């Protein structure tokens, strides 16, 4: 049974941190909906290799309609966390204990949502102190799964482990 996965995205996401897991999720029968500031707008990856069209605006996005949240890294999560609507959207998944899959800088959105206290996480090296200051237990590992709900990874090199553990949590 495929899950409905919300993907929050804006410009300068890390191309492969979106494309590779998204491809695997779809191959396993999951349905992805890309949520951004404006429906129909194209957002571009920071490597310039990927353009994604926003399926649904954050204004119209209802977290209760989704089974999981996917937050690709790059600069996108840092930009999204400046918008309270994206912060509240992400917070609802954590509060409802739905799967949250965040790679690289993805956990920045969860830091701003104040949902990482006492959670085991990893992320890109430059956000380690931010994660610790948010009360998270930082682990420098390719993938960390906390309470069979929160899956985090550090870099594009960790995508295979991130995708493998994300698919386990989604099953």
Protein backbone atom coordinates (compact mmCIF):
# COMPACT_ATOMS: atom_id res chain seq x y z
CA UNK A 1 0.00 0.00 0.00
CA UNK A 2 1.67 3.19 -1.21
CA UNK A 3 1.86 6.20 1.03
CA UNK A 4 1.05 9.81 0.16
CA UNK A 5 4.25 11.77 0.73
CA UNK A 6 4.36 15.56 0.96
CA UNK A 7 7.63 17.05 -0.31
CA UNK A 8 8.41 20.63 0.73
CA UNK A 9 10.61 22.39 -1.80
CA UNK A 10 11.81 25.74 -3.06
CA UNK A 11 14.72 26.90 -5.20
CA UNK A 12 18.27 25.75 -4.48
CA UNK A 13 17.38 22.31 -3.15
CA UNK A 14 20.19 19.76 -3.52
CA UNK A 15 19.26 18.11 -6.84
CA UNK A 16 20.15 14.46 -6.09
CA UNK A 17 18.77 14.66 -2.54
CA UNK A 18 15.37 15.15 -4.16
CA UNK A 19 15.66 13.15 -7.40
CA UNK A 20 17.24 9.93 -6.13
CA UNK A 21 14.97 9.28 -3.11
CA UNK A 22 11.91 10.50 -5.05
CA UNK A 23 12.61 8.01 -7.84
CA UNK A 24 12.95 5.16 -5.32
CA UNK A 25 9.82 6.19 -3.43
CA UNK A 26 7.80 6.24 -6.66
CA UNK A 27 9.23 2.89 -7.77
CA UNK A 28 7.94 1.42 -4.48
CA UNK A 29 4.42 2.72 -5.20
CA UNK A 30 4.42 5.88 -3.09
CA UNK A 31 2.81 9.06 -4.39
CA UNK A 32 4.71 12.34 -4.03
CA UNK A 33 3.13 15.80 -3.97
CA UNK A 34 5.57 18.70 -4.18
CA UNK A 35 4.44 21.58 -2.00
CA UNK A 36 5.84 25.07 -2.39
CA UNK A 37 4.92 28.72 -2.12
CA UNK A 38 3.01 28.82 -5.41
CA UNK A 39 1.28 26.03 -7.34
CA UNK A 40 2.56 25.65 -10.90
CA UNK A 41 5.82 27.52 -10.23
CA UNK A 42 9.07 25.85 -11.32
CA UNK A 43 11.82 25.56 -8.70
CA UNK A 44 15.40 24.78 -9.62
CA UNK A 45 18.01 22.69 -7.87
CA UNK A 46 21.23 24.39 -6.79
CA UNK A 47 23.28 22.28 -9.21
CA UNK A 48 21.04 23.44 -12.07
CA UNK A 49 20.36 19.84 -13.09
CA UNK A 50 16.77 19.57 -11.91
CA UNK A 51 13.61 21.64 -12.33
CA UNK A 52 10.51 20.65 -10.38
CA UNK A 53 7.00 22.07 -10.80
CA UNK A 54 5.13 22.76 -7.56
CA UNK A 55 2.01 20.56 -7.38
CA UNK A 56 0.29 22.35 -4.50
CA UNK A 57 0.71 25.66 -2.71
CA UNK A 58 1.43 25.62 1.02
CA UNK A 59 -1.76 27.71 1.38
CA UNK A 60 -3.82 24.74 0.18
CA UNK A 61 -1.75 21.97 1.78
CA UNK A 62 -3.39 20.00 4.58
CA UNK A 63 -0.99 17.76 6.55
CA UNK A 64 -3.85 15.38 7.41
CA UNK A 65 -4.02 14.44 3.69
CA UNK A 66 -0.49 12.98 3.79
CA UNK A 67 1.13 9.94 5.40
CA UNK A 68 4.71 11.26 5.45
CA UNK A 69 6.91 14.32 4.90
CA UNK A 70 10.10 14.41 2.80
CA UNK A 71 12.51 17.35 3.22
CA UNK A 72 15.39 17.36 0.71
CA UNK A 73 18.49 19.37 1.62
CA UNK A 74 20.39 22.18 -0.03
CA UNK A 75 19.45 25.80 0.70
CA UNK A 76 15.72 25.05 0.31
CA UNK A 77 15.02 24.06 3.96
CA UNK A 78 16.73 27.21 5.26
CA UNK A 79 14.57 29.38 3.00
CA UNK A 80 11.39 27.43 3.84
CA UNK A 81 11.89 27.82 7.59
CA UNK A 82 11.55 31.60 7.22
CA UNK A 83 7.89 30.97 6.28
CA UNK A 84 5.71 30.11 9.27
CA UNK A 85 3.33 28.11 7.07
CA UNK A 86 6.06 25.58 6.19
CA UNK A 87 7.21 25.45 9.82
CA UNK A 88 3.68 24.67 11.02
CA UNK A 89 3.23 22.11 8.23
CA UNK A 90 6.42 20.25 9.23
CA UNK A 91 5.60 20.50 12.93
CA UNK A 92 2.25 18.78 12.41
CA UNK A 93 3.96 15.66 10.99
CA UNK A 94 6.29 15.47 13.98
CA UNK A 95 3.45 16.12 16.45
CA UNK A 96 1.32 13.41 14.81
CA UNK A 97 4.30 11.00 14.75
CA UNK A 98 4.06 10.51 11.00
CA UNK A 99 7.24 9.58 9.10
CA UNK A 100 9.54 12.54 8.45
CA UNK A 101 12.45 11.98 6.04
CA UNK A 102 15.05 14.77 6.13
CA UNK A 103 18.46 14.76 4.48
CA UNK A 104 21.45 17.10 4.75
CA UNK A 105 20.07 20.56 5.67
CA UNK A 106 16.49 19.20 5.79
CA UNK A 107 16.45 19.11 9.63
CA UNK A 108 16.75 22.93 9.67
CA UNK A 109 12.99 23.10 9.11
CA UNK A 110 12.49 20.79 12.12
CA UNK A 111 14.82 22.93 14.27
CA UNK A 112 12.64 25.97 13.59
CA UNK A 113 9.53 23.88 14.30
CA UNK A 114 11.07 23.08 17.71
CA UNK A 115 10.46 19.34 17.30
CA UNK A 116 13.90 17.81 17.81
CA UNK A 117 14.34 17.90 21.59
CA UNK A 118 15.60 14.49 22.78
CA UNK A 119 15.48 13.07 19.25
CA UNK A 120 18.36 11.16 17.64
CA UNK A 121 19.35 12.90 14.40
CA UNK A 122 22.11 13.56 11.92
CA UNK A 123 22.54 16.23 9.28
CA UNK A 124 25.13 18.20 7.36
CA UNK A 125 28.20 19.07 9.44
CA UNK A 126 27.47 22.82 9.37
CA UNK A 127 24.14 22.34 11.22
CA UNK A 128 25.48 20.00 13.94
CA UNK A 129 25.68 22.75 16.57
CA UNK A 130 22.22 24.00 15.58
CA UNK A 131 20.81 20.49 16.03
CA UNK A 132 22.49 20.14 19.43
CA UNK A 133 21.24 23.59 20.49
CA UNK A 134 17.73 22.44 19.49
CA UNK A 135 18.06 19.63 22.05
CA UNK A 136 18.70 16.83 19.57
CA UNK A 137 21.14 14.03 20.15
CA UNK A 138 23.46 14.45 17.14
CA UNK A 139 25.03 11.30 15.70
CA UNK A 140 27.66 11.50 12.95
CA UNK A 141 26.35 8.50 10.99
CA UNK A 142 25.16 8.00 7.39
CA UNK A 143 21.59 7.52 8.58
CA UNK A 144 19.80 7.83 11.92
CA UNK A 145 16.31 6.44 12.49
CA UNK A 146 14.61 7.74 15.64
CA UNK A 147 11.52 6.03 17.05
CA UNK A 148 10.79 4.41 13.67
CA UNK A 149 9.48 7.80 12.55
CA UNK A 150 12.26 10.30 11.89
CA UNK A 151 14.91 9.41 9.27
CA UNK A 152 17.88 11.76 8.81
CA UNK A 153 21.10 11.65 6.80
CA UNK A 154 24.13 13.92 6.27
CA UNK A 155 25.08 14.31 2.60
CA UNK A 156 24.40 13.09 -0.95
CA UNK A 157 26.87 10.25 -0.24
CA UNK A 158 24.36 8.91 2.31
CA UNK A 159 21.43 8.75 -0.14
CA UNK A 160 21.48 4.92 -0.49
CA UNK A 161 21.26 4.43 3.31
CA UNK A 162 18.73 7.28 3.64
CA UNK A 163 16.50 5.81 0.95
CA UNK A 164 16.77 2.25 2.33
CA UNK A 165 15.79 3.29 5.87
CA UNK A 166 13.09 5.70 4.63
CA UNK A 167 11.45 2.89 2.65
CA UNK A 168 11.52 0.66 5.77
CA UNK A 169 9.78 3.35 7.83
CA UNK A 170 7.22 3.88 5.05
CA UNK A 171 6.39 0.15 4.77
